[in-house]
């Protein structure tokens, strides 16, 4: 949700601050943003699903009557504690790639921006991406530490030497 809201604000900002001053660029911009956002959001969600899959699978094992070994639980608990970083990293990477993708896509579509506009695009997407990635970091870390991690601790499967590094 934070990324979606930031994307809407950034879209509005870029269309007014950069694109509005370029004659004939607005229709191309809308097509480019649809292609980039239509690709970035699903790919980001897929990446997050793949990165969180081991934790989700381990959380479902007790309901299925399966018992995970201590070593596999240790690896899953370590992954669990990294979920906030992973969510923020995937989010920021998507924003930074979009920052490169917008100017390049506009250029490929025949709308050549001045270098200052290209840099403006990249900077605005990087800044919005930094802001937008902070929210998933805190939300996912809170959820991982308060809900997921405790569910992954089983009696007799932890010792002082197994604490996450």
N, C-alpha and C. Protein backbone atom coordinates (compact mmCIF):
# COMPACT_ATOMS: atom_id res chain seq x y z
N UNK A 1 0.81 -1.20 0.00
CA UNK A 1 0.00 0.00 0.00
C UNK A 1 0.86 1.28 0.00
N UNK A 2 1.91 1.36 0.83
CA UNK A 2 2.74 2.58 0.78
C UNK A 2 3.35 2.82 -0.60
N UNK A 3 3.75 1.75 -1.26
CA UNK A 3 4.33 1.91 -2.59
C UNK A 3 3.29 2.39 -3.59
N UNK A 4 2.08 1.91 -3.47
CA UNK A 4 1.01 2.35 -4.36
C UNK A 4 0.71 3.83 -4.15
N UNK A 5 0.61 4.25 -2.89
CA UNK A 5 0.36 5.66 -2.61
C UNK A 5 1.51 6.54 -3.09
N UNK A 6 2.74 6.10 -2.84
CA UNK A 6 3.90 6.87 -3.30
C UNK A 6 3.92 6.93 -4.82
N UNK A 7 3.54 5.83 -5.47
CA UNK A 7 3.51 5.82 -6.94
C UNK A 7 2.50 6.83 -7.47
N UNK A 8 1.36 6.91 -6.82
CA UNK A 8 0.34 7.88 -7.26
C UNK A 8 0.83 9.32 -7.07
N UNK A 9 1.45 9.60 -5.93
CA UNK A 9 1.99 10.93 -5.69
C UNK A 9 3.11 11.25 -6.69
N UNK A 10 3.99 10.29 -6.91
CA UNK A 10 5.10 10.50 -7.83
C UNK A 10 4.61 10.68 -9.26
N UNK A 11 3.62 9.93 -9.64
CA UNK A 11 3.03 10.05 -10.96
C UNK A 11 2.46 11.45 -11.17
N UNK A 12 1.74 11.93 -10.19
CA UNK A 12 1.18 13.28 -10.26
C UNK A 12 2.29 14.33 -10.31
N UNK A 13 3.28 14.15 -9.46
CA UNK A 13 4.39 15.10 -9.42
C UNK A 13 5.13 15.15 -10.76
N UNK A 14 5.51 13.97 -11.28
CA UNK A 14 6.28 13.93 -12.53
C UNK A 14 5.48 14.45 -13.72
N UNK A 15 4.19 14.15 -13.74
CA UNK A 15 3.39 14.63 -14.88
C UNK A 15 3.28 16.15 -14.85
N UNK A 16 3.25 16.75 -13.66
CA UNK A 16 3.15 18.21 -13.56
C UNK A 16 4.51 18.90 -13.64
N UNK A 17 5.50 18.35 -12.96
CA UNK A 17 6.80 19.02 -12.87
C UNK A 17 7.69 18.80 -14.09
N UNK A 18 7.53 17.67 -14.78
CA UNK A 18 8.42 17.37 -15.89
C UNK A 18 7.68 17.30 -17.21
N UNK A 19 6.68 16.48 -17.29
CA UNK A 19 6.02 16.18 -18.56
C UNK A 19 5.16 17.32 -19.08
N UNK A 20 4.49 18.03 -18.18
CA UNK A 20 3.58 19.11 -18.61
C UNK A 20 4.29 20.18 -19.43
N UNK A 21 5.58 20.38 -19.19
CA UNK A 21 6.32 21.41 -19.91
C UNK A 21 6.84 20.94 -21.28
N UNK A 22 6.65 19.68 -21.59
CA UNK A 22 7.13 19.14 -22.86
C UNK A 22 5.94 18.91 -23.80
N UNK A 23 5.89 19.62 -24.90
CA UNK A 23 4.76 19.48 -25.81
C UNK A 23 4.64 18.07 -26.39
N UNK A 24 3.45 17.52 -26.31
CA UNK A 24 3.15 16.21 -26.88
C UNK A 24 3.65 15.03 -26.07
N UNK A 25 4.23 15.26 -24.92
CA UNK A 25 4.82 14.16 -24.15
C UNK A 25 3.81 13.47 -23.23
N UNK A 26 2.71 14.14 -22.91
CA UNK A 26 1.78 13.58 -21.93
C UNK A 26 1.17 12.25 -22.36
N UNK A 27 0.66 12.10 -23.59
CA UNK A 27 0.10 10.78 -23.95
C UNK A 27 1.14 9.66 -23.91
N UNK A 28 2.36 9.97 -24.33
CA UNK A 28 3.43 8.96 -24.30
C UNK A 28 3.76 8.61 -22.86
N UNK A 29 3.81 9.62 -21.99
CA UNK A 29 4.10 9.41 -20.58
C UNK A 29 3.09 8.47 -19.95
N UNK A 30 1.80 8.65 -20.24
CA UNK A 30 0.77 7.80 -19.64
C UNK A 30 0.93 6.36 -20.10
N UNK A 31 1.27 6.15 -21.35
CA UNK A 31 1.51 4.79 -21.84
C UNK A 31 2.74 4.17 -21.19
N UNK A 32 3.79 4.96 -21.05
CA UNK A 32 5.02 4.46 -20.43
C UNK A 32 4.78 4.12 -18.96
N UNK A 33 4.09 4.99 -18.24
CA UNK A 33 3.86 4.71 -16.83
C UNK A 33 2.99 3.48 -16.64
N UNK A 34 2.03 3.27 -17.54
CA UNK A 34 1.19 2.08 -17.45
C UNK A 34 2.04 0.82 -17.65
N UNK A 35 2.94 0.86 -18.62
CA UNK A 35 3.81 -0.30 -18.88
C UNK A 35 4.78 -0.54 -17.72
N UNK A 36 5.40 0.52 -17.22
CA UNK A 36 6.38 0.35 -16.14
C UNK A 36 5.70 -0.09 -14.85
N UNK A 37 4.64 0.60 -14.45
CA UNK A 37 3.95 0.22 -13.21
C UNK A 37 3.26 -1.13 -13.34
N UNK A 38 2.76 -1.43 -14.53
CA UNK A 38 2.12 -2.72 -14.75
C UNK A 38 3.11 -3.87 -14.73
N UNK A 39 4.38 -3.57 -14.88
CA UNK A 39 5.42 -4.59 -14.80
C UNK A 39 6.07 -4.61 -13.42
N UNK A 40 6.40 -3.42 -12.90
CA UNK A 40 7.15 -3.33 -11.64
C UNK A 40 6.37 -3.88 -10.44
N UNK A 41 5.10 -3.52 -10.32
CA UNK A 41 4.33 -3.97 -9.16
C UNK A 41 4.17 -5.49 -9.14
N UNK A 42 3.74 -6.13 -10.23
CA UNK A 42 3.64 -7.60 -10.18
C UNK A 42 4.99 -8.30 -9.97
N UNK A 43 6.05 -7.79 -10.61
CA UNK A 43 7.37 -8.41 -10.42
C UNK A 43 7.85 -8.26 -8.98
N UNK A 44 7.60 -7.09 -8.39
CA UNK A 44 7.98 -6.88 -6.99
C UNK A 44 7.22 -7.80 -6.05
N UNK A 45 5.93 -7.97 -6.31
CA UNK A 45 5.13 -8.89 -5.48
C UNK A 45 5.59 -10.33 -5.65
N UNK A 46 5.93 -10.70 -6.87
CA UNK A 46 6.45 -12.05 -7.12
C UNK A 46 7.77 -12.27 -6.39
N UNK A 47 8.66 -11.29 -6.46
CA UNK A 47 9.95 -11.40 -5.77
C UNK A 47 9.74 -11.55 -4.27
N UNK A 48 8.83 -10.75 -3.71
CA UNK A 48 8.56 -10.85 -2.27
C UNK A 48 7.94 -12.20 -1.92
N UNK A 49 7.06 -12.69 -2.76
CA UNK A 49 6.46 -14.01 -2.50
C UNK A 49 7.53 -15.09 -2.47
N UNK A 50 8.46 -15.04 -3.42
CA UNK A 50 9.53 -16.04 -3.46
C UNK A 50 10.46 -15.93 -2.26
N UNK A 51 10.74 -14.70 -1.84
CA UNK A 51 11.64 -14.49 -0.71
C UNK A 51 11.00 -14.88 0.63
N UNK A 52 9.69 -14.76 0.72
CA UNK A 52 9.01 -15.08 1.99
C UNK A 52 8.48 -16.51 2.02
N UNK A 53 8.55 -17.20 0.90
CA UNK A 53 8.00 -18.55 0.81
C UNK A 53 8.52 -19.50 1.90
N UNK A 54 9.82 -19.55 2.18
CA UNK A 54 10.30 -20.48 3.22
C UNK A 54 9.69 -20.21 4.59
N UNK A 55 9.50 -18.95 4.92
CA UNK A 55 8.91 -18.60 6.22
C UNK A 55 7.45 -19.04 6.25
N UNK A 56 6.72 -18.74 5.20
CA UNK A 56 5.32 -19.14 5.15
C UNK A 56 5.14 -20.65 5.20
N UNK A 57 6.02 -21.37 4.50
CA UNK A 57 5.95 -22.84 4.51
C UNK A 57 6.22 -23.37 5.92
N UNK A 58 7.21 -22.81 6.61
CA UNK A 58 7.52 -23.25 7.96
C UNK A 58 6.39 -22.92 8.94
N UNK A 59 5.73 -21.81 8.72
CA UNK A 59 4.61 -21.45 9.60
C UNK A 59 3.42 -22.38 9.41
N UNK A 60 3.27 -22.94 8.22
CA UNK A 60 2.15 -23.86 7.95
C UNK A 60 2.44 -25.30 8.37
N UNK A 61 3.68 -25.66 8.59
CA UNK A 61 4.03 -27.05 8.89
C UNK A 61 3.33 -27.61 10.13
N UNK A 62 3.25 -26.88 11.24
CA UNK A 62 2.58 -27.47 12.41
C UNK A 62 1.10 -27.81 12.15
N UNK A 63 0.42 -26.99 11.36
CA UNK A 63 -0.97 -27.28 11.06
C UNK A 63 -1.10 -28.53 10.20
N UNK A 64 -0.09 -28.80 9.41
CA UNK A 64 -0.10 -29.99 8.54
C UNK A 64 0.43 -31.22 9.27
N UNK A 65 0.78 -31.08 10.54
CA UNK A 65 1.28 -32.20 11.32
C UNK A 65 2.74 -32.53 11.07
N UNK A 66 3.46 -31.63 10.43
CA UNK A 66 4.88 -31.86 10.16
C UNK A 66 5.72 -31.15 11.21
N UNK A 67 6.87 -31.71 11.48
CA UNK A 67 7.79 -31.11 12.44
C UNK A 67 9.11 -30.84 11.71
N UNK A 68 9.52 -29.58 11.71
CA UNK A 68 10.77 -29.20 11.05
C UNK A 68 11.94 -29.46 11.98
N UNK A 69 13.09 -29.77 11.41
CA UNK A 69 14.29 -30.00 12.20
C UNK A 69 14.86 -28.68 12.71
N UNK A 70 15.72 -28.78 13.71
CA UNK A 70 16.31 -27.60 14.33
C UNK A 70 17.11 -26.78 13.34
N UNK A 71 17.85 -27.45 12.44
CA UNK A 71 18.68 -26.72 11.47
C UNK A 71 17.82 -25.93 10.49
N UNK A 72 16.77 -26.57 9.99
CA UNK A 72 15.91 -25.85 9.03
C UNK A 72 15.16 -24.72 9.72
N UNK A 73 14.76 -24.93 10.98
CA UNK A 73 14.10 -23.84 11.71
C UNK A 73 15.04 -22.67 11.94
N UNK A 74 16.30 -22.95 12.19
CA UNK A 74 17.27 -21.87 12.37
C UNK A 74 17.38 -21.04 11.10
N UNK A 75 17.48 -21.69 9.95
CA UNK A 75 17.57 -20.96 8.68
C UNK A 75 16.30 -20.14 8.42
N UNK A 76 15.16 -20.71 8.73
CA UNK A 76 13.90 -19.99 8.52
C UNK A 76 13.78 -18.82 9.48
N UNK A 77 14.20 -19.00 10.73
CA UNK A 77 14.15 -17.88 11.68
C UNK A 77 15.07 -16.76 11.24
N UNK A 78 16.25 -17.11 10.71
CA UNK A 78 17.15 -16.07 10.19
C UNK A 78 16.50 -15.33 9.03
N UNK A 79 15.88 -16.07 8.12
CA UNK A 79 15.18 -15.44 6.99
C UNK A 79 14.05 -14.55 7.51
N UNK A 80 13.35 -15.03 8.52
CA UNK A 80 12.24 -14.26 9.09
C UNK A 80 12.70 -12.90 9.59
N UNK A 81 13.85 -12.88 10.25
CA UNK A 81 14.37 -11.62 10.77
C UNK A 81 14.86 -10.68 9.67
N UNK A 82 15.03 -11.19 8.46
CA UNK A 82 15.48 -10.37 7.34
C UNK A 82 14.32 -9.92 6.45
N UNK A 83 13.10 -10.32 6.77
CA UNK A 83 11.97 -10.02 5.89
C UNK A 83 11.77 -8.52 5.68
N UNK A 84 11.93 -7.73 6.72
CA UNK A 84 11.79 -6.28 6.58
C UNK A 84 12.81 -5.70 5.63
N UNK A 85 14.06 -6.16 5.77
CA UNK A 85 15.12 -5.71 4.86
C UNK A 85 14.82 -6.13 3.43
N UNK A 86 14.34 -7.36 3.27
CA UNK A 86 14.04 -7.86 1.93
C UNK A 86 12.89 -7.06 1.30
N UNK A 87 11.86 -6.78 2.07
CA UNK A 87 10.73 -6.01 1.55
C UNK A 87 11.18 -4.61 1.13
N UNK A 88 11.97 -3.97 1.97
CA UNK A 88 12.48 -2.63 1.64
C UNK A 88 13.41 -2.68 0.43
N UNK A 89 14.25 -3.70 0.37
CA UNK A 89 15.19 -3.82 -0.74
C UNK A 89 14.50 -4.04 -2.07
N UNK A 90 13.51 -4.92 -2.09
CA UNK A 90 12.77 -5.17 -3.33
C UNK A 90 12.04 -3.90 -3.75
N UNK A 91 11.44 -3.23 -2.80
CA UNK A 91 10.72 -1.99 -3.09
C UNK A 91 11.66 -0.94 -3.67
N UNK A 92 12.78 -0.71 -3.02
CA UNK A 92 13.72 0.30 -3.48
C UNK A 92 14.31 -0.06 -4.84
N UNK A 93 14.63 -1.32 -5.04
CA UNK A 93 15.17 -1.75 -6.33
C UNK A 93 14.17 -1.46 -7.46
N UNK A 94 12.90 -1.74 -7.23
CA UNK A 94 11.88 -1.48 -8.25
C UNK A 94 11.80 0.02 -8.55
N UNK A 95 11.87 0.85 -7.54
CA UNK A 95 11.82 2.30 -7.75
C UNK A 95 13.05 2.78 -8.52
N UNK A 96 14.22 2.29 -8.17
CA UNK A 96 15.43 2.72 -8.86
C UNK A 96 15.45 2.26 -10.31
N UNK A 97 14.98 1.04 -10.57
CA UNK A 97 14.89 0.57 -11.95
C UNK A 97 13.88 1.38 -12.74
N UNK A 98 12.78 1.75 -12.10
CA UNK A 98 11.79 2.60 -12.76
C UNK A 98 12.38 3.97 -13.06
N UNK A 99 13.24 4.46 -12.17
CA UNK A 99 13.91 5.74 -12.40
C UNK A 99 14.76 5.72 -13.66
N UNK A 100 15.32 4.59 -13.98
CA UNK A 100 16.07 4.44 -15.23
C UNK A 100 15.12 4.14 -16.40
N UNK A 101 14.07 3.40 -16.09
CA UNK A 101 13.14 2.97 -17.13
C UNK A 101 12.30 4.07 -17.73
N UNK A 102 11.89 5.04 -16.93
CA UNK A 102 11.05 6.12 -17.47
C UNK A 102 11.77 6.91 -18.56
N UNK A 103 12.93 7.49 -18.29
CA UNK A 103 13.59 8.25 -19.36
C UNK A 103 13.93 7.39 -20.57
N UNK A 104 14.39 6.18 -20.33
CA UNK A 104 14.74 5.29 -21.44
C UNK A 104 13.50 4.95 -22.27
N UNK A 105 12.40 4.61 -21.61
CA UNK A 105 11.17 4.26 -22.33
C UNK A 105 10.59 5.45 -23.08
N UNK A 106 10.64 6.62 -22.48
CA UNK A 106 10.16 7.81 -23.18
C UNK A 106 11.01 8.07 -24.42
N UNK A 107 12.32 7.88 -24.29
CA UNK A 107 13.22 8.08 -25.43
C UNK A 107 12.93 7.06 -26.53
N UNK A 108 12.74 5.78 -26.14
CA UNK A 108 12.44 4.74 -27.12
C UNK A 108 11.08 4.97 -27.80
N UNK A 109 10.17 5.63 -27.08
CA UNK A 109 8.85 5.92 -27.64
C UNK A 109 8.86 7.19 -28.50
N UNK A 110 10.03 7.81 -28.63
CA UNK A 110 10.14 8.97 -29.50
C UNK A 110 10.04 10.32 -28.80
N UNK A 111 9.95 10.32 -27.49
CA UNK A 111 9.89 11.58 -26.74
C UNK A 111 11.23 11.78 -26.06
N UNK A 112 12.02 12.67 -26.63
CA UNK A 112 13.36 12.93 -26.09
C UNK A 112 13.27 14.02 -25.04
N UNK A 113 13.72 13.69 -23.84
CA UNK A 113 13.73 14.65 -22.75
C UNK A 113 15.10 15.31 -22.66
N UNK A 114 15.14 16.54 -22.18
CA UNK A 114 16.45 17.13 -21.90
C UNK A 114 17.13 16.36 -20.76
N UNK A 115 18.44 16.41 -20.70
CA UNK A 115 19.18 15.70 -19.66
C UNK A 115 18.70 16.08 -18.26
N UNK A 116 18.37 17.35 -18.08
CA UNK A 116 17.89 17.79 -16.76
C UNK A 116 16.58 17.08 -16.39
N UNK A 117 15.72 16.83 -17.37
CA UNK A 117 14.46 16.12 -17.10
C UNK A 117 14.74 14.64 -16.79
N UNK A 118 15.68 14.05 -17.51
CA UNK A 118 16.06 12.66 -17.22
C UNK A 118 16.56 12.53 -15.79
N UNK A 119 17.44 13.43 -15.40
CA UNK A 119 17.98 13.41 -14.04
C UNK A 119 16.89 13.70 -13.01
N UNK A 120 15.98 14.60 -13.35
CA UNK A 120 14.85 14.91 -12.47
C UNK A 120 14.00 13.66 -12.24
N UNK A 121 13.71 12.92 -13.30
CA UNK A 121 12.96 11.67 -13.19
C UNK A 121 13.67 10.71 -12.24
N UNK A 122 14.96 10.50 -12.49
CA UNK A 122 15.72 9.55 -11.69
C UNK A 122 15.75 9.97 -10.22
N UNK A 123 15.96 11.24 -9.98
CA UNK A 123 16.02 11.72 -8.59
C UNK A 123 14.67 11.61 -7.91
N UNK A 124 13.59 11.96 -8.60
CA UNK A 124 12.28 11.90 -7.95
C UNK A 124 11.90 10.47 -7.63
N UNK A 125 12.19 9.55 -8.55
CA UNK A 125 11.86 8.15 -8.27
C UNK A 125 12.75 7.57 -7.16
N UNK A 126 14.00 7.98 -7.11
CA UNK A 126 14.88 7.51 -6.03
C UNK A 126 14.40 8.03 -4.68
N UNK A 127 14.03 9.31 -4.62
CA UNK A 127 13.56 9.87 -3.34
C UNK A 127 12.23 9.27 -2.91
N UNK A 128 11.29 9.17 -3.82
CA UNK A 128 10.01 8.55 -3.49
C UNK A 128 10.23 7.08 -3.11
N UNK A 129 11.14 6.41 -3.78
CA UNK A 129 11.44 5.02 -3.46
C UNK A 129 12.02 4.85 -2.07
N UNK A 130 12.90 5.75 -1.68
CA UNK A 130 13.46 5.69 -0.33
C UNK A 130 12.36 5.87 0.72
N UNK A 131 11.48 6.80 0.47
CA UNK A 131 10.36 7.03 1.41
C UNK A 131 9.44 5.82 1.42
N UNK A 132 9.07 5.36 0.24
CA UNK A 132 8.11 4.25 0.15
C UNK A 132 8.68 2.95 0.71
N UNK A 133 9.97 2.74 0.63
CA UNK A 133 10.54 1.48 1.13
C UNK A 133 10.69 1.48 2.65
N UNK A 134 10.67 2.63 3.28
CA UNK A 134 10.77 2.68 4.73
C UNK A 134 9.54 2.08 5.40
N UNK A 135 8.38 2.32 4.84
CA UNK A 135 7.14 1.82 5.45
C UNK A 135 7.06 0.29 5.43
N UNK A 136 7.32 -0.36 4.30
CA UNK A 136 7.33 -1.83 4.34
C UNK A 136 8.39 -2.39 5.28
N UNK A 137 9.53 -1.71 5.36
CA UNK A 137 10.56 -2.19 6.28
C UNK A 137 10.01 -2.28 7.70
N UNK A 138 9.43 -1.19 8.19
CA UNK A 138 8.95 -1.19 9.57
C UNK A 138 7.74 -2.09 9.76
N UNK A 139 6.82 -2.09 8.83
CA UNK A 139 5.61 -2.92 8.96
C UNK A 139 5.95 -4.40 8.91
N UNK A 140 6.78 -4.80 7.96
CA UNK A 140 7.12 -6.21 7.82
C UNK A 140 8.01 -6.67 8.98
N UNK A 141 8.94 -5.82 9.40
CA UNK A 141 9.78 -6.18 10.54
C UNK A 141 8.94 -6.36 11.80
N UNK A 142 7.99 -5.46 12.02
CA UNK A 142 7.10 -5.58 13.18
C UNK A 142 6.35 -6.90 13.14
N UNK A 143 5.77 -7.21 11.99
CA UNK A 143 5.01 -8.44 11.83
C UNK A 143 5.91 -9.67 12.00
N UNK A 144 7.09 -9.62 11.44
CA UNK A 144 8.01 -10.76 11.53
C UNK A 144 8.44 -11.01 12.97
N UNK A 145 8.77 -9.95 13.69
CA UNK A 145 9.27 -10.10 15.06
C UNK A 145 8.15 -10.43 16.04
N UNK A 146 6.99 -9.83 15.85
CA UNK A 146 5.89 -10.01 16.80
C UNK A 146 5.02 -11.24 16.52
N UNK A 147 4.90 -11.64 15.28
CA UNK A 147 3.98 -12.74 14.96
C UNK A 147 4.70 -13.97 14.40
N UNK A 148 5.52 -13.78 13.37
CA UNK A 148 6.12 -14.93 12.70
C UNK A 148 7.22 -15.60 13.52
N UNK A 149 8.16 -14.80 14.01
CA UNK A 149 9.31 -15.38 14.72
C UNK A 149 8.87 -16.20 15.94
N UNK A 150 8.01 -15.68 16.80
CA UNK A 150 7.59 -16.50 17.95
C UNK A 150 6.96 -17.83 17.53
N UNK A 151 6.24 -17.84 16.42
CA UNK A 151 5.63 -19.09 15.95
C UNK A 151 6.66 -20.07 15.42
N UNK A 152 7.86 -19.59 15.12
CA UNK A 152 8.92 -20.46 14.60
C UNK A 152 9.84 -20.99 15.70
N UNK A 153 9.62 -20.59 16.94
CA UNK A 153 10.43 -21.08 18.05
C UNK A 153 9.68 -22.25 18.67
N UNK A 154 10.30 -23.40 18.64
CA UNK A 154 9.71 -24.62 19.20
C UNK A 154 10.55 -25.06 20.40
N UNK A 155 9.90 -25.60 21.38
CA UNK A 155 10.58 -26.07 22.58
C UNK A 155 11.63 -27.11 22.19
N UNK A 156 12.82 -26.92 22.71
CA UNK A 156 13.90 -27.87 22.47
C UNK A 156 14.63 -27.67 21.16
N UNK A 157 14.29 -26.63 20.39
CA UNK A 157 14.97 -26.42 19.11
C UNK A 157 15.90 -25.21 19.13
N UNK A 158 16.08 -24.61 20.28
CA UNK A 158 16.96 -23.46 20.35
C UNK A 158 18.00 -23.66 21.45
N UNK A 159 19.13 -22.99 21.25
CA UNK A 159 20.17 -22.97 22.27
C UNK A 159 20.92 -21.66 22.08
N UNK A 160 21.76 -21.31 23.01
CA UNK A 160 22.49 -20.06 22.94
C UNK A 160 23.36 -19.99 21.68
N UNK A 161 23.89 -21.09 21.23
CA UNK A 161 24.74 -21.13 20.05
C UNK A 161 23.97 -20.97 18.75
N UNK A 162 22.65 -21.06 18.81
CA UNK A 162 21.83 -20.97 17.59
C UNK A 162 21.21 -19.60 17.42
N UNK A 163 21.59 -18.64 18.24
CA UNK A 163 21.01 -17.32 18.09
C UNK A 163 21.39 -16.74 16.74
N UNK A 164 20.46 -16.02 16.09
CA UNK A 164 20.76 -15.44 14.78
C UNK A 164 21.93 -14.48 14.87
N UNK A 165 22.77 -14.53 13.86
CA UNK A 165 23.95 -13.65 13.82
C UNK A 165 23.58 -12.28 13.32
